[in-house]
Amino acid sequence: MNLYAGIPPRLLAALQLYISSARPVGSFLRACLENDLTRAVIRADPEAMVALPLIVRWMYDVAPGNAWGSPELVARWLRREAA
């Protein structure tokens, strides 16, 4: 069983591209990556809202620690491809 099957494919694909290619994500995922729960909840559509706990779990389990957790870490991660 895939633990992350409840994450909508469009969101999972965006997260995977963010990690593999430092590709920017939309405002909901950016808020998740920046650890801004308030902004994530405000930006979430109904499907994303249901998946929010799984998205957080995916970040914790899969994403490198230096790719998420604060606005500064996310900005630094996004700049790595531009350098």
PDB file of N, CA and C in Angstrom:
ATOM      1  N   MET A   1       0.838  -1.192   0.000  1.00  0.00           N
ATOM      2  CA  MET A   1       0.000   0.000   0.000  1.00  0.00           C
ATOM      3  C   MET A   1       0.880   1.252   0.000  1.00  0.00           C
ATOM      4  N   ASN A   2       0.550   2.195  -0.848  1.00  0.00           N
ATOM      5  CA  ASN A   2       1.296   3.444  -0.960  1.00  0.00           C
ATOM      6  C   ASN A   2       0.787   4.426   0.100  1.00  0.00           C
ATOM      7  N   LEU A   3       1.642   4.756   1.026  1.00  0.00           N
ATOM      8  CA  LEU A   3       1.286   5.666   2.119  1.00  0.00           C
ATOM      9  C   LEU A   3       0.821   7.024   1.600  1.00  0.00           C
ATOM     10  N   TYR A   4       1.313   7.427   0.441  1.00  0.00           N
ATOM     11  CA  TYR A   4       1.029   8.759  -0.084  1.00  0.00           C
ATOM     12  C   TYR A   4      -0.035   8.758  -1.171  1.00  0.00           C
ATOM     13  N   ALA A   5      -0.774   7.653  -1.322  1.00  0.00           N
ATOM     14  CA  ALA A   5      -1.784   7.537  -2.378  1.00  0.00           C
ATOM     15  C   ALA A   5      -2.879   8.593  -2.247  1.00  0.00           C
ATOM     16  N   GLY A   6      -3.074   9.129  -1.058  1.00  0.00           N
ATOM     17  CA  GLY A   6      -4.100  10.142  -0.856  1.00  0.00           C
ATOM     18  C   GLY A   6      -3.693  11.545  -1.289  1.00  0.00           C
ATOM     19  N   ILE A   7      -2.457  11.715  -1.698  1.00  0.00           N
ATOM     20  CA  ILE A   7      -2.021  13.023  -2.203  1.00  0.00           C
ATOM     21  C   ILE A   7      -2.444  13.112  -3.662  1.00  0.00           C
ATOM     22  N   PRO A   8      -3.198  14.141  -4.038  1.00  0.00           N
ATOM     23  CA  PRO A   8      -3.596  14.272  -5.441  1.00  0.00           C
ATOM     24  C   PRO A   8      -2.369  14.228  -6.361  1.00  0.00           C
ATOM     25  N   PRO A   9      -2.470  13.506  -7.469  1.00  0.00           N
ATOM     26  CA  PRO A   9      -1.315  13.365  -8.369  1.00  0.00           C
ATOM     27  C   PRO A   9      -0.694  14.690  -8.800  1.00  0.00           C
ATOM     28  N   ARG A  10      -1.507  15.720  -9.019  1.00  0.00           N
ATOM     29  CA  ARG A  10      -0.963  17.024  -9.450  1.00  0.00           C
ATOM     30  C   ARG A  10      -0.075  17.635  -8.366  1.00  0.00           C
ATOM     31  N   LEU A  11      -0.454  17.452  -7.109  1.00  0.00           N
ATOM     32  CA  LEU A  11       0.344  17.998  -6.015  1.00  0.00           C
ATOM     33  C   LEU A  11       1.604  17.167  -5.789  1.00  0.00           C
ATOM     34  N   LEU A  12       1.475  15.856  -5.860  1.00  0.00           N
ATOM     35  CA  LEU A  12       2.640  14.997  -5.689  1.00  0.00           C
ATOM     36  C   LEU A  12       3.653  15.232  -6.799  1.00  0.00           C
ATOM     37  N   ALA A  13       3.178  15.369  -8.023  1.00  0.00           N
ATOM     38  CA  ALA A  13       4.090  15.642  -9.145  1.00  0.00           C
ATOM     39  C   ALA A  13       4.810  16.976  -8.951  1.00  0.00           C
ATOM     40  N   ALA A  14       4.085  17.981  -8.487  1.00  0.00           N
ATOM     41  CA  ALA A  14       4.706  19.291  -8.245  1.00  0.00           C
ATOM     42  C   ALA A  14       5.768  19.198  -7.151  1.00  0.00           C
ATOM     43  N   LEU A  15       5.483  18.464  -6.090  1.00  0.00           N
ATOM     44  CA  LEU A  15       6.470  18.285  -5.014  1.00  0.00           C
ATOM     45  C   LEU A  15       7.711  17.545  -5.522  1.00  0.00           C
ATOM     46  N   GLN A  16       7.492  16.522  -6.313  1.00  0.00           N
ATOM     47  CA  GLN A  16       8.622  15.756  -6.835  1.00  0.00           C
ATOM     48  C   GLN A  16       9.490  16.606  -7.754  1.00  0.00           C
ATOM     49  N   LEU A  17       8.869  17.444  -8.586  1.00  0.00           N
ATOM     50  CA  LEU A  17       9.650  18.337  -9.450  1.00  0.00           C
ATOM     51  C   LEU A  17      10.359  19.416  -8.644  1.00  0.00           C
ATOM     52  N   TYR A  18       9.740  19.868  -7.583  1.00  0.00           N
ATOM     53  CA  TYR A  18      10.395  20.827  -6.698  1.00  0.00           C
ATOM     54  C   TYR A  18      11.688  20.225  -6.142  1.00  0.00           C
ATOM     55  N   ILE A  19      11.620  18.979  -5.700  1.00  0.00           N
ATOM     56  CA  ILE A  19      12.796  18.325  -5.124  1.00  0.00           C
ATOM     57  C   ILE A  19      13.828  17.994  -6.195  1.00  0.00           C
ATOM     58  N   SER A  20      13.403  17.410  -7.301  1.00  0.00           N
ATOM     59  CA  SER A  20      14.362  16.938  -8.305  1.00  0.00           C
ATOM     60  C   SER A  20      14.947  18.055  -9.153  1.00  0.00           C
ATOM     61  N   SER A  21      14.162  19.105  -9.401  1.00  0.00           N
ATOM     62  CA  SER A  21      14.605  20.143 -10.340  1.00  0.00           C
ATOM     63  C   SER A  21      14.512  21.559  -9.808  1.00  0.00           C
ATOM     64  N   ALA A  22      14.217  21.708  -8.528  1.00  0.00           N
ATOM     65  CA  ALA A  22      14.042  23.033  -7.917  1.00  0.00           C
ATOM     66  C   ALA A  22      13.015  23.855  -8.679  1.00  0.00           C
ATOM     67  N   ARG A  23      11.957  23.195  -9.097  1.00  0.00           N
ATOM     68  CA  ARG A  23      10.890  23.867  -9.830  1.00  0.00           C
ATOM     69  C   ARG A  23       9.930  24.514  -8.843  1.00  0.00           C
ATOM     70  N   PRO A  24       9.576  25.788  -9.048  1.00  0.00           N
ATOM     71  CA  PRO A  24       8.645  26.464  -8.137  1.00  0.00           C
ATOM     72  C   PRO A  24       7.285  25.756  -8.090  1.00  0.00           C
ATOM     73  N   VAL A  25       6.622  25.879  -6.975  1.00  0.00           N
ATOM     74  CA  VAL A  25       5.297  25.287  -6.779  1.00  0.00           C
ATOM     75  C   VAL A  25       4.285  26.401  -6.550  1.00  0.00           C
ATOM     76  N   GLY A  26       3.015  26.043  -6.525  1.00  0.00           N
ATOM     77  CA  GLY A  26       1.965  27.021  -6.282  1.00  0.00           C
ATOM     78  C   GLY A  26       1.931  27.493  -4.837  1.00  0.00           C
ATOM     79  N   SER A  27       1.030  28.423  -4.568  1.00  0.00           N
ATOM     80  CA  SER A  27       1.006  29.081  -3.263  1.00  0.00           C
ATOM     81  C   SER A  27       0.666  28.119  -2.117  1.00  0.00           C
ATOM     82  N   PHE A  28      -0.199  27.143  -2.353  1.00  0.00           N
ATOM     83  CA  PHE A  28      -0.527  26.183  -1.301  1.00  0.00           C
ATOM     84  C   PHE A  28       0.692  25.349  -0.937  1.00  0.00           C
ATOM     85  N   LEU A  29       1.331  24.748  -1.929  1.00  0.00           N
ATOM     86  CA  LEU A  29       2.502  23.919  -1.639  1.00  0.00           C
ATOM     87  C   LEU A  29       3.665  24.749  -1.114  1.00  0.00           C
ATOM     88  N   ARG A  30       3.807  25.954  -1.598  1.00  0.00           N
ATOM     89  CA  ARG A  30       4.877  26.822  -1.090  1.00  0.00           C
ATOM     90  C   ARG A  30       4.665  27.074   0.405  1.00  0.00           C
ATOM     91  N   ALA A  31       3.428  27.332   0.794  1.00  0.00           N
ATOM     92  CA  ALA A  31       3.129  27.535   2.212  1.00  0.00           C
ATOM     93  C   ALA A  31       3.433  26.274   3.011  1.00  0.00           C
ATOM     94  N   CYS A  32       3.086  25.117   2.463  1.00  0.00           N
ATOM     95  CA  CYS A  32       3.411  23.856   3.144  1.00  0.00           C
ATOM     96  C   CYS A  32       4.920  23.729   3.316  1.00  0.00           C
ATOM     97  N   LEU A  33       5.657  23.940   2.245  1.00  0.00           N
ATOM     98  CA  LEU A  33       7.111  23.807   2.287  1.00  0.00           C
ATOM     99  C   LEU A  33       7.751  24.809   3.243  1.00  0.00           C
ATOM    100  N   GLU A  34       7.163  25.985   3.341  1.00  0.00           N
ATOM    101  CA  GLU A  34       7.698  27.023   4.230  1.00  0.00           C
ATOM    102  C   GLU A  34       7.239  26.842   5.676  1.00  0.00           C
ATOM    103  N   ASN A  35       6.459  25.803   5.931  1.00  0.00           N
ATOM    104  CA  ASN A  35       5.966  25.504   7.279  1.00  0.00           C
ATOM    105  C   ASN A  35       5.029  26.607   7.782  1.00  0.00           C
ATOM    106  N   ASP A  36       4.206  27.121   6.877  1.00  0.00           N
ATOM    107  CA  ASP A  36       3.246  28.173   7.202  1.00  0.00           C
ATOM    108  C   ASP A  36       1.835  27.574   7.132  1.00  0.00           C
ATOM    109  N   LEU A  37       1.409  26.965   8.220  1.00  0.00           N
ATOM    110  CA  LEU A  37       0.131  26.262   8.255  1.00  0.00           C
ATOM    111  C   LEU A  37      -1.044  27.192   7.974  1.00  0.00           C
ATOM    112  N   THR A  38      -1.027  28.370   8.525  1.00  0.00           N
ATOM    113  CA  THR A  38      -2.137  29.300   8.316  1.00  0.00           C
ATOM    114  C   THR A  38      -2.315  29.599   6.834  1.00  0.00           C
ATOM    115  N   ARG A  39      -1.229  29.945   6.163  1.00  0.00           N
ATOM    116  CA  ARG A  39      -1.307  30.262   4.727  1.00  0.00           C
ATOM    117  C   ARG A  39      -1.681  29.029   3.917  1.00  0.00           C
ATOM    118  N   ALA A  40      -1.191  27.857   4.303  1.00  0.00           N
ATOM    119  CA  ALA A  40      -1.524  26.623   3.587  1.00  0.00           C
ATOM    120  C   ALA A  40      -3.032  26.359   3.659  1.00  0.00           C
ATOM    121  N   VAL A  41      -3.602  26.498   4.838  1.00  0.00           N
ATOM    122  CA  VAL A  41      -5.035  26.252   5.004  1.00  0.00           C
ATOM    123  C   VAL A  41      -5.850  27.270   4.215  1.00  0.00           C
ATOM    124  N   ILE A  42      -5.444  28.509   4.224  1.00  0.00           N
ATOM    125  CA  ILE A  42      -6.163  29.548   3.481  1.00  0.00           C
ATOM    126  C   ILE A  42      -6.087  29.299   1.980  1.00  0.00           C
ATOM    127  N   ARG A  43      -4.968  28.802   1.488  1.00  0.00           N
ATOM    128  CA  ARG A  43      -4.759  28.584   0.049  1.00  0.00           C
ATOM    129  C   ARG A  43      -5.290  27.236  -0.455  1.00  0.00           C
ATOM    130  N   ALA A  44      -5.599  26.325   0.441  1.00  0.00           N
ATOM    131  CA  ALA A  44      -5.975  24.967   0.032  1.00  0.00           C
ATOM    132  C   ALA A  44      -7.359  24.913  -0.605  1.00  0.00           C
ATOM    133  N   ASP A  45      -7.445  24.165  -1.718  1.00  0.00           N
ATOM    134  CA  ASP A  45      -8.762  23.810  -2.237  1.00  0.00           C
ATOM    135  C   ASP A  45      -9.232  22.589  -1.432  1.00  0.00           C
ATOM    136  N   PRO A  46     -10.471  22.161  -1.586  1.00  0.00           N
ATOM    137  CA  PRO A  46     -10.967  21.043  -0.758  1.00  0.00           C
ATOM    138  C   PRO A  46     -10.118  19.773  -0.869  1.00  0.00           C
ATOM    139  N   GLU A  47      -9.675  19.446  -2.063  1.00  0.00           N
ATOM    140  CA  GLU A  47      -8.851  18.246  -2.254  1.00  0.00           C
ATOM    141  C   GLU A  47      -7.507  18.367  -1.540  1.00  0.00           C
ATOM    142  N   ALA A  48      -6.887  19.522  -1.644  1.00  0.00           N
ATOM    143  CA  ALA A  48      -5.600  19.752  -0.982  1.00  0.00           C
ATOM    144  C   ALA A  48      -5.758  19.759   0.535  1.00  0.00           C
ATOM    145  N   MET A  49      -6.874  20.304   1.011  1.00  0.00           N
ATOM    146  CA  MET A  49      -7.104  20.360   2.455  1.00  0.00           C
ATOM    147  C   MET A  49      -7.165  18.965   3.058  1.00  0.00           C
ATOM    148  N   VAL A  50      -7.844  18.058   2.380  1.00  0.00           N
ATOM    149  CA  VAL A  50      -7.931  16.677   2.857  1.00  0.00           C
ATOM    150  C   VAL A  50      -6.546  16.032   2.854  1.00  0.00           C
ATOM    151  N   ALA A  51      -5.727  16.362   1.870  1.00  0.00           N
ATOM    152  CA  ALA A  51      -4.406  15.743   1.721  1.00  0.00           C
ATOM    153  C   ALA A  51      -3.328  16.398   2.572  1.00  0.00           C
ATOM    154  N   LEU A  52      -3.619  17.501   3.216  1.00  0.00           N
ATOM    155  CA  LEU A  52      -2.586  18.249   3.952  1.00  0.00           C
ATOM    156  C   LEU A  52      -1.776  17.387   4.916  1.00  0.00           C
ATOM    157  N   PRO A  53      -2.379  16.553   5.746  1.00  0.00           N
ATOM    158  CA  PRO A  53      -1.548  15.722   6.643  1.00  0.00           C
ATOM    159  C   PRO A  53      -0.600  14.785   5.887  1.00  0.00           C
ATOM    160  N   LEU A  54      -1.057  14.240   4.760  1.00  0.00           N
ATOM    161  CA  LEU A  54      -0.192  13.355   3.974  1.00  0.00           C
ATOM    162  C   LEU A  54       0.943  14.124   3.302  1.00  0.00           C
ATOM    163  N   ILE A  55       0.657  15.346   2.883  1.00  0.00           N
ATOM    164  CA  ILE A  55       1.696  16.180   2.271  1.00  0.00           C
ATOM    165  C   ILE A  55       2.784  16.479   3.297  1.00  0.00           C
ATOM    166  N   VAL A  56       2.373  16.822   4.499  1.00  0.00           N
ATOM    167  CA  VAL A  56       3.352  17.074   5.563  1.00  0.00           C
ATOM    168  C   VAL A  56       4.162  15.810   5.838  1.00  0.00           C
ATOM    169  N   ARG A  57       3.489  14.684   5.869  1.00  0.00           N
ATOM    170  CA  ARG A  57       4.191  13.410   6.097  1.00  0.00           C
ATOM    171  C   ARG A  57       5.183  13.121   4.976  1.00  0.00           C
ATOM    172  N   TRP A  58       4.799  13.396   3.719  1.00  0.00           N
ATOM    173  CA  TRP A  58       5.683  13.189   2.577  1.00  0.00           C
ATOM    174  C   TRP A  58       6.930  14.068   2.715  1.00  0.00           C
ATOM    175  N   MET A  59       6.721  15.333   3.078  1.00  0.00           N
ATOM    176  CA  MET A  59       7.864  16.231   3.240  1.00  0.00           C
ATOM    177  C   MET A  59       8.811  15.687   4.306  1.00  0.00           C
ATOM    178  N   TYR A  60       8.263  15.251   5.411  1.00  0.00           N
ATOM    179  CA  TYR A  60       9.075  14.743   6.514  1.00  0.00           C
ATOM    180  C   TYR A  60       9.820  13.466   6.118  1.00  0.00           C
ATOM    181  N   ASP A  61       9.146  12.571   5.421  1.00  0.00           N
ATOM    182  CA  ASP A  61       9.723  11.272   5.075  1.00  0.00           C
ATOM    183  C   ASP A  61      10.613  11.291   3.838  1.00  0.00           C
ATOM    184  N   VAL A  62      10.295  12.125   2.861  1.00  0.00           N
ATOM    185  CA  VAL A  62      10.925  12.028   1.536  1.00  0.00           C
ATOM    186  C   VAL A  62      11.814  13.225   1.203  1.00  0.00           C
ATOM    187  N   ALA A  63      11.347  14.409   1.462  1.00  0.00           N
ATOM    188  CA  ALA A  63      12.075  15.613   1.034  1.00  0.00           C
ATOM    189  C   ALA A  63      13.340  15.812   1.871  1.00  0.00           C
ATOM    190  N   PRO A  64      14.413  16.246   1.229  1.00  0.00           N
ATOM    191  CA  PRO A  64      15.623  16.562   2.000  1.00  0.00           C
ATOM    192  C   PRO A  64      15.332  17.656   3.030  1.00  0.00           C
ATOM    193  N   GLY A  65      15.938  17.556   4.167  1.00  0.00           N
ATOM    194  CA  GLY A  65      15.700  18.511   5.244  1.00  0.00           C
ATOM    195  C   GLY A  65      16.036  19.946   4.893  1.00  0.00           C
ATOM    196  N   ASN A  66      16.953  20.139   3.974  1.00  0.00           N
ATOM    197  CA  ASN A  66      17.322  21.509   3.599  1.00  0.00           C
ATOM    198  C   ASN A  66      16.454  22.065   2.470  1.00  0.00           C
ATOM    199  N   ALA A  67      15.390  21.339   2.094  1.00  0.00           N
ATOM    200  CA  ALA A  67      14.503  21.784   1.019  1.00  0.00           C
ATOM    201  C   ALA A  67      13.191  22.369   1.535  1.00  0.00           C
ATOM    202  N   TRP A  68      12.970  22.308   2.830  1.00  0.00           N
ATOM    203  CA  TRP A  68      11.707  22.787   3.378  1.00  0.00           C
ATOM    204  C   TRP A  68      11.868  23.124   4.854  1.00  0.00           C
ATOM    205  N   GLY A  69      10.875  23.826   5.403  1.00  0.00           N
ATOM    206  CA  GLY A  69      10.870  24.124   6.836  1.00  0.00           C
ATOM    207  C   GLY A  69      10.817  25.598   7.161  1.00  0.00           C
ATOM    208  N   SER A  70      11.224  26.447   6.220  1.00  0.00           N
ATOM    209  CA  SER A  70      11.173  27.888   6.438  1.00  0.00           C
ATOM    210  C   SER A  70      11.224  28.592   5.083  1.00  0.00           C
ATOM    211  N   PRO A  71      10.788  29.850   5.035  1.00  0.00           N
ATOM    212  CA  PRO A  71      10.886  30.589   3.773  1.00  0.00           C
ATOM    213  C   PRO A  71      12.333  30.678   3.270  1.00  0.00           C
ATOM    214  N   GLU A  72      13.266  30.821   4.173  1.00  0.00           N
ATOM    215  CA  GLU A  72      14.675  30.933   3.774  1.00  0.00           C
ATOM    216  C   GLU A  72      15.186  29.642   3.135  1.00  0.00           C
ATOM    217  N   LEU A  73      14.839  28.506   3.725  1.00  0.00           N
ATOM    218  CA  LEU A  73      15.279  27.228   3.155  1.00  0.00           C
ATOM    219  C   LEU A  73      14.671  26.992   1.784  1.00  0.00           C
ATOM    220  N   VAL A  74      13.398  27.326   1.617  1.00  0.00           N
ATOM    221  CA  VAL A  74      12.745  27.150   0.321  1.00  0.00           C
ATOM    222  C   VAL A  74      13.381  28.072  -0.717  1.00  0.00           C
ATOM    223  N   ALA A  75      13.611  29.321  -0.369  1.00  0.00           N
ATOM    224  CA  ALA A  75      14.253  30.254  -1.306  1.00  0.00           C
ATOM    225  C   ALA A  75      15.641  29.766  -1.700  1.00  0.00           C
ATOM    226  N   ARG A  76      16.388  29.275  -0.744  1.00  0.00           N
ATOM    227  CA  ARG A  76      17.725  28.745  -1.030  1.00  0.00           C
ATOM    228  C   ARG A  76      17.639  27.528  -1.950  1.00  0.00           C
ATOM    229  N   TRP A  77      16.682  26.641  -1.704  1.00  0.00           N
ATOM    230  CA  TRP A  77      16.510  25.452  -2.537  1.00  0.00           C
ATOM    231  C   TRP A  77      16.169  25.855  -3.982  1.00  0.00           C
ATOM    232  N   LEU A  78      15.288  26.816  -4.136  1.00  0.00           N
ATOM    233  CA  LEU A  78      14.903  27.268  -5.473  1.00  0.00           C
ATOM    234  C   LEU A  78      16.056  27.948  -6.202  1.00  0.00           C
ATOM    235  N   ARG A  79      16.925  28.610  -5.485  1.00  0.00           N
ATOM    236  CA  ARG A  79      18.091  29.270  -6.101  1.00  0.00           C
ATOM    237  C   ARG A  79      19.152  28.280  -6.557  1.00  0.00           C
ATOM    238  N   ARG A  80      19.163  27.069  -6.023  1.00  0.00           N
ATOM    239  CA  ARG A  80      20.249  26.137  -6.346  1.00  0.00           C
ATOM    240  C   ARG A  80      20.301  25.800  -7.819  1.00  0.00           C
ATOM    241  N   GLU A  81      19.166  25.786  -8.510  1.00  0.00           N
ATOM    242  CA  GLU A  81      19.162  25.511  -9.942  1.00  0.00           C
ATOM    243  C   GLU A  81      19.557  26.741 -10.745  1.00  0.00           C
ATOM    244  N   ALA A  82      19.320  27.920 -10.208  1.00  0.00           N
ATOM    245  CA  ALA A  82      19.656  29.138 -10.917  1.00  0.00           C
ATOM    246  C   ALA A  82      21.156  29.412 -10.887  1.00  0.00           C
ATOM    247  N   ALA A  83      21.845  28.849  -9.936  1.00  0.00           N
ATOM    248  CA  ALA A  83      23.295  29.120  -9.786  1.00  0.00           C
ATOM    249  C   ALA A  83      24.121  28.382 -10.815  1.00  0.00           C
TER     250      ALA A  83
END
